[in-house]
Amino acid sequence: MGTPPFMSPEQFRVPKDTGPETDVFSLASVLVYAATGHSPFEAENAYMTAYHVVHDPPRLDGLPGVLRDIVTDCLEKDPSKRPSVDELLERVGELSATGLLPPTVALDTLGPAPDRARRRRRIVAGALAAAGGTGLAATAAFGLLDGAHNGQREKPSQTSSTRQAAPPIDSSTPREPRATVVPHEIKASRSSEGHEPTRAFDGFEQTWWGPGVSGSGRGEWIEARFETPARLTGLVLTSGMGGMAGSSSSSALPHRLAVTITTAAGETVERELTLDRVLGGQHREFDVGEVSAVRFTIRSSYDPSEATQVAISGIEFRRDIEVLPPAE
């Protein structure tokens, strides 16, 4: 799959439908890292990184101006708006002609290959290495920066439907490896001001969703929808108000949730999710194929009172990924 900071939006949304456009995105990401010491979508955890990749503009502060236009175009969320490999070759070639690429990198990247297909393979191979930040992609990235900084490489900083019954969601040890699945739409029955449902999916420990009503919150719900149906195999749900001081006593904690899963075929699967009376993430196995939406409806809560509301600070969906053997 790759490393989240260097993956493309479509790898999170439609991993089975990617092409050279994904390689272009990854190459641009590693170029930003080489230039600035941080990825364009850097965050405190993998889930928030994935959210930035899919939804937010790239962070390009510190990137030399001569590279900014190319990188910005390569990091378009819509694959069809990114330059093709041939277009990227031409634009990088223009930089090379102005002396911005050192001769060695210009030769390795663009070198005298009369065959366009051969040149395409070189660039794509480099982009495929971008997720690991190694190989031709990293070499080309640092080479571009050498020229962009007038030969002075900067050191990276150190700083529905039919209903069917199903068993309860399993709380066994998660299987590995897993990748995060990012929803494209999030909504709720109601929300407390400043604590919208998207807060439960932003990856920050200090933010949370709450329905804005005191007591157990029974009947209130939060829902995630997926632009492309995905097979979900795991779930991490974090109760309470996250890292806030006193959060263990400032909110009720969800206890039992009814989980309504809508599949791409329009079927609705009902499950029961029982959470422990603890703060922090709780993993549950969650094996359902081709999911288009998941709704969590609160049935009961721990420690409800008239002075508090129930809160959820994090919901993260996971799916299994295939680990390919290393290429010979």
C-alpha atoms as a PDB file:
ATOM      1  CA  MET A   1       0.000   0.000   0.000  1.00  0.00           C
ATOM      2  CA  GLY A   2       2.546   2.603   1.075  1.00  0.00           C
ATOM      3  CA  THR A   3       3.211   5.021   3.912  1.00  0.00           C
ATOM      4  CA  PRO A   4       0.249   7.356   4.684  1.00  0.00           C
ATOM      5  CA  PRO A   5       2.104  10.706   4.323  1.00  0.00           C
ATOM      6  CA  PHE A   6       3.139   9.733   0.775  1.00  0.00           C
ATOM      7  CA  MET A   7      -0.060   8.040  -0.384  1.00  0.00           C
ATOM      8  CA  SER A   8      -2.679   9.603  -2.657  1.00  0.00           C
ATOM      9  CA  PRO A   9      -6.348  10.316  -1.856  1.00  0.00           C
ATOM     10  CA  GLU A  10      -7.511   7.559  -4.201  1.00  0.00           C
ATOM     11  CA  GLN A  11      -5.369   4.998  -2.367  1.00  0.00           C
ATOM     12  CA  PHE A  12      -7.508   5.637   0.702  1.00  0.00           C
ATOM     13  CA  ARG A  13     -10.804   5.917  -1.169  1.00  0.00           C
ATOM     14  CA  VAL A  14     -10.549   3.454  -4.072  1.00  0.00           C
ATOM     15  CA  PRO A  15      -7.336   1.449  -3.588  1.00  0.00           C
ATOM     16  CA  LYS A  16      -8.210  -0.990  -6.371  1.00  0.00           C
ATOM     17  CA  ASP A  17      -8.508   1.787  -8.957  1.00  0.00           C
ATOM     18  CA  THR A  18      -5.191   3.640  -9.060  1.00  0.00           C
ATOM     19  CA  GLY A  19      -2.768   4.425 -11.836  1.00  0.00           C
ATOM     20  CA  PRO A  20       0.181   6.640 -12.816  1.00  0.00           C
ATOM     21  CA  GLU A  21      -1.624   9.649 -11.334  1.00  0.00           C
ATOM     22  CA  THR A  22      -1.050   8.108  -7.903  1.00  0.00           C
ATOM     23  CA  ASP A  23       2.666   7.841  -8.632  1.00  0.00           C
ATOM     24  CA  VAL A  24       2.767  11.518  -9.586  1.00  0.00           C
ATOM     25  CA  PHE A  25       1.103  12.452  -6.282  1.00  0.00           C
ATOM     26  CA  SER A  26       3.554  10.325  -4.276  1.00  0.00           C
ATOM     27  CA  LEU A  27       6.565  11.761  -6.075  1.00  0.00           C
ATOM     28  CA  ALA A  28       5.396  15.301  -5.258  1.00  0.00           C
ATOM     29  CA  SER A  29       4.926  14.353  -1.607  1.00  0.00           C
ATOM     30  CA  VAL A  30       8.457  13.032  -1.259  1.00  0.00           C
ATOM     31  CA  LEU A  31       9.775  16.133  -3.017  1.00  0.00           C
ATOM     32  CA  VAL A  32       8.095  18.338  -0.386  1.00  0.00           C
ATOM     33  CA  TYR A  33       9.594  16.200   2.364  1.00  0.00           C
ATOM     34  CA  ALA A  34      13.054  16.475   0.848  1.00  0.00           C
ATOM     35  CA  ALA A  35      12.686  20.263   0.581  1.00  0.00           C
ATOM     36  CA  THR A  36      11.212  21.054   3.969  1.00  0.00           C
ATOM     37  CA  GLY A  37      11.789  18.147   6.351  1.00  0.00           C
ATOM     38  CA  HIS A  38       8.052  17.530   6.663  1.00  0.00           C
ATOM     39  CA  SER A  39       5.466  15.847   4.485  1.00  0.00           C
ATOM     40  CA  PRO A  40       2.754  18.036   2.901  1.00  0.00           C
ATOM     41  CA  PHE A  41       0.162  16.212   5.001  1.00  0.00           C
ATOM     42  CA  GLU A  42       2.070  15.663   8.234  1.00  0.00           C
ATOM     43  CA  ALA A  43      -0.015  14.957  11.350  1.00  0.00           C
ATOM     44  CA  GLU A  44       0.333  13.451  14.805  1.00  0.00           C
ATOM     45  CA  ASN A  45      -1.046  10.052  13.784  1.00  0.00           C
ATOM     46  CA  ALA A  46      -1.740   7.964  10.704  1.00  0.00           C
ATOM     47  CA  TYR A  47      -5.486   8.562  10.790  1.00  0.00           C
ATOM     48  CA  MET A  48      -5.162  12.340  10.824  1.00  0.00           C
ATOM     49  CA  THR A  49      -2.559  12.120   8.067  1.00  0.00           C
ATOM     50  CA  ALA A  50      -5.008  10.142   5.936  1.00  0.00           C
ATOM     51  CA  TYR A  51      -7.704  12.735   6.642  1.00  0.00           C
ATOM     52  CA  HIS A  52      -5.365  15.545   5.505  1.00  0.00           C
ATOM     53  CA  VAL A  53      -4.435  13.660   2.328  1.00  0.00           C
ATOM     54  CA  VAL A  54      -8.082  13.156   1.362  1.00  0.00           C
ATOM     55  CA  HIS A  55      -9.609  16.453   2.475  1.00  0.00           C
ATOM     56  CA  ASP A  56      -7.070  19.230   3.142  1.00  0.00           C
ATOM     57  CA  PRO A  57      -4.719  21.305   0.969  1.00  0.00           C
ATOM     58  CA  PRO A  58      -1.015  20.429   1.189  1.00  0.00           C
ATOM     59  CA  ARG A  59       1.307  22.270   3.541  1.00  0.00           C
ATOM     60  CA  LEU A  60       3.972  23.760   1.267  1.00  0.00           C
ATOM     61  CA  ASP A  61       5.604  26.320   3.553  1.00  0.00           C
ATOM     62  CA  GLY A  62       9.366  26.233   3.066  1.00  0.00           C
ATOM     63  CA  LEU A  63       9.135  24.847  -0.464  1.00  0.00           C
ATOM     64  CA  PRO A  64      11.249  26.813  -2.979  1.00  0.00           C
ATOM     65  CA  GLY A  65       9.049  28.956  -5.186  1.00  0.00           C
ATOM     66  CA  VAL A  66      10.435  27.496  -8.399  1.00  0.00           C
ATOM     67  CA  LEU A  67       8.989  24.111  -7.448  1.00  0.00           C
ATOM     68  CA  ARG A  68       5.691  25.240  -5.977  1.00  0.00           C
ATOM     69  CA  ASP A  69       3.619  25.314  -9.180  1.00  0.00           C
ATOM     70  CA  ILE A  70       4.680  21.831 -10.258  1.00  0.00           C
ATOM     71  CA  VAL A  71       4.166  20.351  -6.802  1.00  0.00           C
ATOM     72  CA  THR A  72       0.771  22.028  -6.351  1.00  0.00           C
ATOM     73  CA  ASP A  73      -0.463  20.578  -9.636  1.00  0.00           C
ATOM     74  CA  CYS A  74       0.865  17.118  -8.770  1.00  0.00           C
ATOM     75  CA  LEU A  75      -0.936  17.184  -5.394  1.00  0.00           C
ATOM     76  CA  GLU A  76      -4.408  17.848  -6.809  1.00  0.00           C
ATOM     77  CA  LYS A  77      -7.036  15.725  -5.020  1.00  0.00           C
ATOM     78  CA  ASP A  78      -8.659  14.832  -8.351  1.00  0.00           C
ATOM     79  CA  PRO A  79      -6.315  12.479 -10.249  1.00  0.00           C
ATOM     80  CA  SER A  80      -7.581  13.777 -13.602  1.00  0.00           C
ATOM     81  CA  LYS A  81      -6.294  17.276 -12.768  1.00  0.00           C
ATOM     82  CA  ARG A  82      -2.712  16.157 -12.133  1.00  0.00           C
ATOM     83  CA  PRO A  83      -0.143  16.363 -14.922  1.00  0.00           C
ATOM     84  CA  SER A  84       0.479  13.132 -16.786  1.00  0.00           C
ATOM     85  CA  VAL A  85       3.869  11.469 -16.557  1.00  0.00           C
ATOM     86  CA  ASP A  86       4.759  12.876 -19.994  1.00  0.00           C
ATOM     87  CA  GLU A  87       3.676  16.376 -18.974  1.00  0.00           C
ATOM     88  CA  LEU A  88       5.670  16.092 -15.763  1.00  0.00           C
ATOM     89  CA  LEU A  89       8.723  15.000 -17.755  1.00  0.00           C
ATOM     90  CA  GLU A  90       8.394  18.051 -19.984  1.00  0.00           C
ATOM     91  CA  ARG A  91       8.023  20.455 -17.068  1.00  0.00           C
ATOM     92  CA  VAL A  92      10.932  18.944 -15.149  1.00  0.00           C
ATOM     93  CA  GLY A  93      12.897  19.023 -18.404  1.00  0.00           C
ATOM     94  CA  GLU A  94      12.267  22.755 -18.619  1.00  0.00           C
ATOM     95  CA  LEU A  95      13.719  23.148 -15.129  1.00  0.00           C
ATOM     96  CA  SER A  96      16.688  21.038 -16.166  1.00  0.00           C
ATOM     97  CA  ALA A  97      17.276  23.246 -19.184  1.00  0.00           C
ATOM     98  CA  THR A  98      17.455  26.308 -16.936  1.00  0.00           C
ATOM     99  CA  GLY A  99      20.170  24.666 -14.845  1.00  0.00           C
ATOM    100  CA  LEU A 100      17.981  23.926 -11.850  1.00  0.00           C
ATOM    101  CA  LEU A 101      18.769  20.213 -12.034  1.00  0.00           C
ATOM    102  CA  PRO A 102      22.341  19.052 -11.373  1.00  0.00           C
ATOM    103  CA  PRO A 103      23.734  17.201 -14.426  1.00  0.00           C
ATOM    104  CA  THR A 104      23.814  13.784 -12.743  1.00  0.00           C
ATOM    105  CA  VAL A 105      20.181  13.931 -11.708  1.00  0.00           C
ATOM    106  CA  ALA A 106      19.148  15.357 -15.064  1.00  0.00           C
ATOM    107  CA  LEU A 107      20.832  12.407 -16.760  1.00  0.00           C
ATOM    108  CA  ASP A 108      19.400   9.788 -14.393  1.00  0.00           C
ATOM    109  CA  THR A 109      15.896  11.196 -14.519  1.00  0.00           C
ATOM    110  CA  LEU A 110      15.485  12.505 -18.030  1.00  0.00           C
ATOM    111  CA  GLY A 111      18.535  11.012 -19.726  1.00  0.00           C
ATOM    112  CA  PRO A 112      18.979  10.312 -23.425  1.00  0.00           C
ATOM    113  CA  ALA A 113      16.157   7.824 -23.716  1.00  0.00           C
ATOM    114  CA  PRO A 114      14.612   8.352 -27.160  1.00  0.00           C
ATOM    115  CA  ASP A 115      11.809   6.014 -26.256  1.00  0.00           C
ATOM    116  CA  ARG A 116       9.027   7.808 -24.292  1.00  0.00           C
ATOM    117  CA  ALA A 117       7.845   4.528 -22.788  1.00  0.00           C
ATOM    118  CA  ARG A 118      11.318   3.905 -21.393  1.00  0.00           C
ATOM    119  CA  ARG A 119      11.415   7.394 -19.884  1.00  0.00           C
ATOM    120  CA  ARG A 120       7.930   6.865 -18.451  1.00  0.00           C
ATOM    121  CA  ARG A 121       9.066   3.680 -16.732  1.00  0.00           C
ATOM    122  CA  ARG A 122      11.955   5.555 -15.113  1.00  0.00           C
ATOM    123  CA  ILE A 123       9.728   8.258 -13.662  1.00  0.00           C
ATOM    124  CA  VAL A 124       7.027   5.812 -12.559  1.00  0.00           C
ATOM    125  CA  ALA A 125       9.615   3.590 -10.906  1.00  0.00           C
ATOM    126  CA  GLY A 126      10.884   6.587  -8.992  1.00  0.00           C
ATOM    127  CA  ALA A 127       7.388   7.609  -7.941  1.00  0.00           C
ATOM    128  CA  LEU A 128       6.632   4.112  -6.750  1.00  0.00           C
ATOM    129  CA  ALA A 129       9.652   4.368  -4.473  1.00  0.00           C
ATOM    130  CA  ALA A 130       8.329   7.610  -3.024  1.00  0.00           C
ATOM    131  CA  ALA A 131       6.267   5.936  -0.335  1.00  0.00           C
ATOM    132  CA  GLY A 132       9.506   4.749   1.170  1.00  0.00           C
ATOM    133  CA  GLY A 133      11.425   7.900   0.291  1.00  0.00           C
ATOM    134  CA  THR A 134      14.154   5.862  -1.439  1.00  0.00           C
ATOM    135  CA  GLY A 135      15.482   5.104  -4.905  1.00  0.00           C
ATOM    136  CA  LEU A 136      15.190   7.351  -7.925  1.00  0.00           C
ATOM    137  CA  ALA A 137      12.326   9.383  -6.440  1.00  0.00           C
ATOM    138  CA  ALA A 138      14.396  10.476  -3.476  1.00  0.00           C
ATOM    139  CA  THR A 139      17.461  11.063  -5.670  1.00  0.00           C
ATOM    140  CA  ALA A 140      15.470  13.163  -8.117  1.00  0.00           C
ATOM    141  CA  ALA A 141      13.797  15.052  -5.276  1.00  0.00           C
ATOM    142  CA  PHE A 142      17.061  16.027  -3.625  1.00  0.00           C
ATOM    143  CA  GLY A 143      18.528  16.819  -7.032  1.00  0.00           C
ATOM    144  CA  LEU A 144      15.711  19.209  -7.811  1.00  0.00           C
ATOM    145  CA  LEU A 145      16.268  20.849  -4.457  1.00  0.00           C
ATOM    146  CA  ASP A 146      19.985  21.231  -5.031  1.00  0.00           C
ATOM    147  CA  GLY A 147      19.209  23.344  -8.072  1.00  0.00           C
ATOM    148  CA  ALA A 148      16.273  25.160  -6.501  1.00  0.00           C
ATOM    149  CA  HIS A 149      18.476  26.212  -3.589  1.00  0.00           C
ATOM    150  CA  ASN A 150      21.304  27.249  -5.932  1.00  0.00           C
ATOM    151  CA  GLY A 151      23.317  24.187  -5.121  1.00  0.00           C
ATOM    152  CA  GLN A 152      22.787  24.406  -1.347  1.00  0.00           C
ATOM    153  CA  ARG A 153      20.753  21.491  -0.031  1.00  0.00           C
ATOM    154  CA  GLU A 154      18.839  22.338   3.114  1.00  0.00           C
ATOM    155  CA  LYS A 155      19.102  19.948   5.973  1.00  0.00           C
ATOM    156  CA  PRO A 156      15.652  18.679   7.064  1.00  0.00           C
ATOM    157  CA  SER A 157      14.585  20.327  10.302  1.00  0.00           C
ATOM    158  CA  GLN A 158      14.886  18.335  13.499  1.00  0.00           C
ATOM    159  CA  THR A 159      12.309  19.922  15.298  1.00  0.00           C
ATOM    160  CA  SER A 160     -31.959   1.120   2.957  1.00  0.00           C
ATOM    161  CA  SER A 161     -33.416  -1.912   2.529  1.00  0.00           C
ATOM    162  CA  THR A 162     -33.317  -5.439   3.801  1.00  0.00           C
ATOM    163  CA  ARG A 163     -32.454  -5.998   7.448  1.00  0.00           C
ATOM    164  CA  GLN A 164     -30.579  -8.987   8.796  1.00  0.00           C
ATOM    165  CA  ALA A 165     -29.306  -9.929  12.215  1.00  0.00           C
ATOM    166  CA  ALA A 166     -25.623 -10.400  13.020  1.00  0.00           C
ATOM    167  CA  PRO A 167     -23.555 -11.321  16.089  1.00  0.00           C
ATOM    168  CA  PRO A 168     -22.069  -8.672  18.403  1.00  0.00           C
ATOM    169  CA  ILE A 169     -18.909  -6.937  17.260  1.00  0.00           C
ATOM    170  CA  ASP A 170     -15.866  -8.882  18.400  1.00  0.00           C
ATOM    171  CA  SER A 171     -13.332  -7.309  20.787  1.00  0.00           C
ATOM    172  CA  SER A 172     -10.446  -9.659  20.003  1.00  0.00           C
ATOM    173  CA  THR A 173      -6.909  -8.572  19.223  1.00  0.00           C
ATOM    174  CA  PRO A 174      -6.710  -6.732  15.869  1.00  0.00           C
ATOM    175  CA  ARG A 175      -5.236  -8.503  12.890  1.00  0.00           C
ATOM    176  CA  GLU A 176      -2.383  -6.873  11.046  1.00  0.00           C
ATOM    177  CA  PRO A 177      -1.632  -5.150   8.818  1.00  0.00           C
ATOM    178  CA  ARG A 178      -4.440  -2.622   8.558  1.00  0.00           C
ATOM    179  CA  ALA A 179      -5.058   0.588   6.630  1.00  0.00           C
ATOM    180  CA  THR A 180      -7.361   3.446   7.613  1.00  0.00           C
ATOM    181  CA  VAL A 181     -10.557   4.011   5.616  1.00  0.00           C
ATOM    182  CA  VAL A 182     -11.582   7.685   5.550  1.00  0.00           C
ATOM    183  CA  PRO A 183     -15.289   8.562   5.147  1.00  0.00           C
ATOM    184  CA  HIS A 184     -16.229  11.333   2.738  1.00  0.00           C
ATOM    185  CA  GLU A 185     -19.371  12.455   4.592  1.00  0.00           C
ATOM    186  CA  ILE A 186     -20.073  12.597   8.333  1.00  0.00           C
ATOM    187  CA  LYS A 187     -23.302  13.664  10.017  1.00  0.00           C
ATOM    188  CA  ALA A 188     -25.200  13.269  13.286  1.00  0.00           C
ATOM    189  CA  SER A 189     -28.685  13.530  14.745  1.00  0.00           C
ATOM    190  CA  ARG A 190     -27.598  16.729  16.515  1.00  0.00           C
ATOM    191  CA  SER A 191     -24.412  18.257  17.884  1.00  0.00           C
ATOM    192  CA  SER A 192     -23.180  20.416  20.719  1.00  0.00           C
ATOM    193  CA  GLU A 193     -21.914  23.799  19.514  1.00  0.00           C
ATOM    194  CA  GLY A 194     -18.269  23.510  18.526  1.00  0.00           C
ATOM    195  CA  HIS A 195     -18.371  19.719  18.663  1.00  0.00           C
ATOM    196  CA  GLU A 196     -19.675  18.742  15.243  1.00  0.00           C
ATOM    197  CA  PRO A 197     -19.619  15.074  14.134  1.00  0.00           C
ATOM    198  CA  THR A 198     -16.487  15.646  12.025  1.00  0.00           C
ATOM    199  CA  ARG A 199     -14.617  16.166  15.318  1.00  0.00           C
ATOM    200  CA  ALA A 200     -14.859  12.439  15.991  1.00  0.00           C
ATOM    201  CA  PHE A 201     -12.983  11.734  12.744  1.00  0.00           C
ATOM    202  CA  ASP A 202     -10.308  14.458  12.679  1.00  0.00           C
ATOM    203  CA  GLY A 203      -7.639  12.385  14.438  1.00  0.00           C
ATOM    204  CA  PHE A 204      -7.056  14.874  17.271  1.00  0.00           C
ATOM    205  CA  GLU A 205      -7.230  13.590  20.845  1.00  0.00           C
ATOM    206  CA  GLN A 206      -8.551  16.887  22.232  1.00  0.00           C
ATOM    207  CA  THR A 207     -11.635  17.139  20.000  1.00  0.00           C
ATOM    208  CA  TRP A 208     -14.899  15.243  20.322  1.00  0.00           C
ATOM    209  CA  TRP A 209     -18.499  14.908  19.187  1.00  0.00           C
ATOM    210  CA  GLY A 210     -21.397  15.283  21.593  1.00  0.00           C
ATOM    211  CA  PRO A 211     -25.157  15.492  20.895  1.00  0.00           C
ATOM    212  CA  GLY A 212     -25.568  18.585  23.070  1.00  0.00           C
ATOM    213  CA  VAL A 213     -28.184  17.040  25.364  1.00  0.00           C
ATOM    214  CA  SER A 214     -27.633  15.974  28.946  1.00  0.00           C
ATOM    215  CA  GLY A 215     -28.082  12.428  30.177  1.00  0.00           C
ATOM    216  CA  SER A 216     -27.289   9.185  28.401  1.00  0.00           C
ATOM    217  CA  GLY A 217     -27.875  10.497  24.865  1.00  0.00           C
ATOM    218  CA  ARG A 218     -30.117   7.520  24.123  1.00  0.00           C
ATOM    219  CA  GLY A 219     -31.347   7.575  20.530  1.00  0.00           C
ATOM    220  CA  GLU A 220     -28.746  10.093  19.304  1.00  0.00           C
ATOM    221  CA  TRP A 221     -26.557   8.943  16.425  1.00  0.00           C
ATOM    222  CA  ILE A 222     -23.448   9.697  14.404  1.00  0.00           C
ATOM    223  CA  GLU A 223     -22.977   8.379  10.855  1.00  0.00           C
ATOM    224  CA  ALA A 224     -20.119   7.977   8.384  1.00  0.00           C
ATOM    225  CA  ARG A 225     -20.625   7.478   4.648  1.00  0.00           C
ATOM    226  CA  PHE A 226     -18.102   6.259   2.089  1.00  0.00           C
ATOM    227  CA  GLU A 227     -17.842   7.580  -1.456  1.00  0.00           C
ATOM    228  CA  THR A 228     -16.600   4.185  -2.622  1.00  0.00           C
ATOM    229  CA  PRO A 229     -17.914   1.108  -0.734  1.00  0.00           C
ATOM    230  CA  ALA A 230     -15.165  -0.563   1.268  1.00  0.00           C
ATOM    231  CA  ARG A 231     -14.671  -3.810   3.159  1.00  0.00           C
ATOM    232  CA  LEU A 232     -14.268  -2.865   6.818  1.00  0.00           C
ATOM    233  CA  THR A 233     -12.462  -5.322   9.068  1.00  0.00           C
ATOM    234  CA  GLY A 234     -11.748  -3.264  12.166  1.00  0.00           C
ATOM    235  CA  LEU A 235     -12.964  -0.364  14.256  1.00  0.00           C
ATOM    236  CA  VAL A 236     -11.290   1.808  16.909  1.00  0.00           C
ATOM    237  CA  LEU A 237     -13.684   3.934  18.983  1.00  0.00           C
ATOM    238  CA  THR A 238     -12.443   6.379  21.619  1.00  0.00           C
ATOM    239  CA  SER A 239     -14.858   7.378  24.384  1.00  0.00           C
ATOM    240  CA  GLY A 240     -15.029  10.674  26.238  1.00  0.00           C
ATOM    241  CA  MET A 241     -13.590  14.097  25.553  1.00  0.00           C
ATOM    242  CA  GLY A 242     -10.181  12.824  24.549  1.00  0.00           C
ATOM    243  CA  GLY A 243      -7.078  14.392  26.057  1.00  0.00           C
ATOM    244  CA  MET A 244      -8.936  17.165  27.889  1.00  0.00           C
ATOM    245  CA  ALA A 245      -8.134  17.475  31.573  1.00  0.00           C
ATOM    246  CA  GLY A 246     -10.883  16.063  33.700  1.00  0.00           C
ATOM    247  CA  SER A 247     -12.568  14.464  30.713  1.00  0.00           C
ATOM    248  CA  SER A 248     -13.276  11.272  32.640  1.00  0.00           C
ATOM    249  CA  SER A 249     -15.735  13.159  34.832  1.00  0.00           C
ATOM    250  CA  SER A 250     -16.797  15.876  32.370  1.00  0.00           C
ATOM    251  CA  SER A 251     -18.832  13.570  30.128  1.00  0.00           C
ATOM    252  CA  ALA A 252     -20.802  10.380  30.103  1.00  0.00           C
ATOM    253  CA  LEU A 253     -19.120   7.524  28.239  1.00  0.00           C
ATOM    254  CA  PRO A 254     -20.975   5.462  25.621  1.00  0.00           C
ATOM    255  CA  HIS A 255     -21.793   1.946  26.836  1.00  0.00           C
ATOM    256  CA  ARG A 256     -24.002   0.175  24.293  1.00  0.00           C
ATOM    257  CA  LEU A 257     -24.346   1.270  20.678  1.00  0.00           C
ATOM    258  CA  ALA A 258     -26.593  -0.064  17.945  1.00  0.00           C
ATOM    259  CA  VAL A 259     -24.548  -0.199  14.746  1.00  0.00           C
ATOM    260  CA  THR A 260     -26.441   0.034  11.452  1.00  0.00           C
ATOM    261  CA  ILE A 261     -24.301  -0.926   8.461  1.00  0.00           C
ATOM    262  CA  THR A 262     -25.551  -0.182   4.949  1.00  0.00           C
ATOM    263  CA  THR A 263     -23.939  -2.121   2.117  1.00  0.00           C
ATOM    264  CA  ALA A 264     -23.504  -1.156  -1.517  1.00  0.00           C
ATOM    265  CA  ALA A 265     -26.332  -3.567  -2.375  1.00  0.00           C
ATOM    266  CA  GLY A 266     -28.736  -1.637  -0.140  1.00  0.00           C
ATOM    267  CA  GLU A 267     -28.874  -4.254   2.618  1.00  0.00           C
ATOM    268  CA  THR A 268     -28.796  -3.135   6.238  1.00  0.00           C
ATOM    269  CA  VAL A 269     -26.893  -5.162   8.820  1.00  0.00           C
ATOM    270  CA  GLU A 270     -27.628  -4.524  12.504  1.00  0.00           C
ATOM    271  CA  ARG A 271     -24.971  -5.129  15.148  1.00  0.00           C
ATOM    272  CA  GLU A 272     -24.508  -4.394  18.837  1.00  0.00           C
ATOM    273  CA  LEU A 273     -21.345  -2.749  20.118  1.00  0.00           C
ATOM    274  CA  THR A 274     -20.566  -2.853  23.844  1.00  0.00           C
ATOM    275  CA  LEU A 275     -17.766  -0.606  25.074  1.00  0.00           C
ATOM    276  CA  ASP A 276     -15.754  -0.771  28.287  1.00  0.00           C
ATOM    277  CA  ARG A 277     -15.937   1.971  30.892  1.00  0.00           C
ATOM    278  CA  VAL A 278     -12.543   3.421  29.986  1.00  0.00           C
ATOM    279  CA  LEU A 279     -11.027   6.389  28.210  1.00  0.00           C
ATOM    280  CA  GLY A 280      -8.871   5.771  25.153  1.00  0.00           C
ATOM    281  CA  GLY A 281      -9.292   3.763  21.988  1.00  0.00           C
ATOM    282  CA  GLN A 282     -11.065   0.416  22.046  1.00  0.00           C
ATOM    283  CA  HIS A 283     -10.551  -1.956  19.136  1.00  0.00           C
ATOM    284  CA  ARG A 284     -13.320  -4.176  17.802  1.00  0.00           C
ATOM    285  CA  GLU A 285     -13.279  -6.600  14.887  1.00  0.00           C
ATOM    286  CA  PHE A 286     -15.763  -5.440  12.271  1.00  0.00           C
ATOM    287  CA  ASP A 287     -15.812  -7.688   9.230  1.00  0.00           C
ATOM    288  CA  VAL A 288     -18.385  -6.475   6.686  1.00  0.00           C
ATOM    289  CA  GLY A 289     -17.903  -6.225   2.927  1.00  0.00           C
ATOM    290  CA  GLU A 290     -18.761  -3.372   0.539  1.00  0.00           C
ATOM    291  CA  VAL A 291     -19.900  -0.916   3.208  1.00  0.00           C
ATOM    292  CA  SER A 292     -21.340   2.409   2.060  1.00  0.00           C
ATOM    293  CA  ALA A 293     -22.457   3.789   5.457  1.00  0.00           C
ATOM    294  CA  VAL A 294     -22.176   3.071   9.188  1.00  0.00           C
ATOM    295  CA  ARG A 295     -24.427   4.634  11.831  1.00  0.00           C
ATOM    296  CA  PHE A 296     -23.799   4.409  15.588  1.00  0.00           C
ATOM    297  CA  THR A 297     -26.925   4.948  17.713  1.00  0.00           C
ATOM    298  CA  ILE A 298     -26.467   5.359  21.462  1.00  0.00           C
ATOM    299  CA  ARG A 299     -28.488   2.902  23.566  1.00  0.00           C
ATOM    300  CA  SER A 300     -26.952   3.511  26.991  1.00  0.00           C
ATOM    301  CA  SER A 301     -24.045   5.311  28.635  1.00  0.00           C
ATOM    302  CA  TYR A 302     -21.838   5.079  31.685  1.00  0.00           C
ATOM    303  CA  ASP A 303     -22.353   7.738  34.393  1.00  0.00           C
ATOM    304  CA  PRO A 304     -25.088   9.812  32.734  1.00  0.00           C
ATOM    305  CA  SER A 305     -26.261  12.916  34.598  1.00  0.00           C
ATOM    306  CA  GLU A 306     -28.176  16.112  34.040  1.00  0.00           C
ATOM    307  CA  ALA A 307     -24.889  18.031  34.141  1.00  0.00           C
ATOM    308  CA  THR A 308     -23.043  16.091  31.444  1.00  0.00           C
ATOM    309  CA  GLN A 309     -23.499  14.777  27.917  1.00  0.00           C
ATOM    310  CA  VAL A 310     -22.110  11.658  26.280  1.00  0.00           C
ATOM    311  CA  ALA A 311     -18.990  12.223  24.177  1.00  0.00           C
ATOM    312  CA  ILE A 312     -17.006  10.339  21.528  1.00  0.00           C
ATOM    313  CA  SER A 313     -13.571  11.711  20.651  1.00  0.00           C
ATOM    314  CA  GLY A 314     -12.566   9.249  17.958  1.00  0.00           C
ATOM    315  CA  ILE A 315     -13.913   6.763  15.416  1.00  0.00           C
ATOM    316  CA  GLU A 316     -11.496   5.070  13.048  1.00  0.00           C
ATOM    317  CA  PHE A 317     -12.350   2.425  10.463  1.00  0.00           C
ATOM    318  CA  ARG A 318      -9.763  -0.120   9.346  1.00  0.00           C
ATOM    319  CA  ARG A 319      -9.421  -2.591   6.512  1.00  0.00           C
ATOM    320  CA  ASP A 320      -6.960  -5.397   5.858  1.00  0.00           C
ATOM    321  CA  ILE A 321      -4.260  -4.798   3.303  1.00  0.00           C
ATOM    322  CA  GLU A 322      -2.369  -7.305   1.246  1.00  0.00           C
ATOM    323  CA  VAL A 323       1.345  -7.481   1.877  1.00  0.00           C
ATOM    324  CA  LEU A 324       3.169  -8.240  -1.349  1.00  0.00           C
ATOM    325  CA  PRO A 325       6.490 -10.077  -1.333  1.00  0.00           C
ATOM    326  CA  PRO A 326       9.501  -7.898  -2.154  1.00  0.00           C
ATOM    327  CA  ALA A 327      10.260  -7.670  -5.854  1.00  0.00           C
ATOM    328  CA  GLU A 328      13.195  -9.707  -7.038  1.00  0.00           C
END
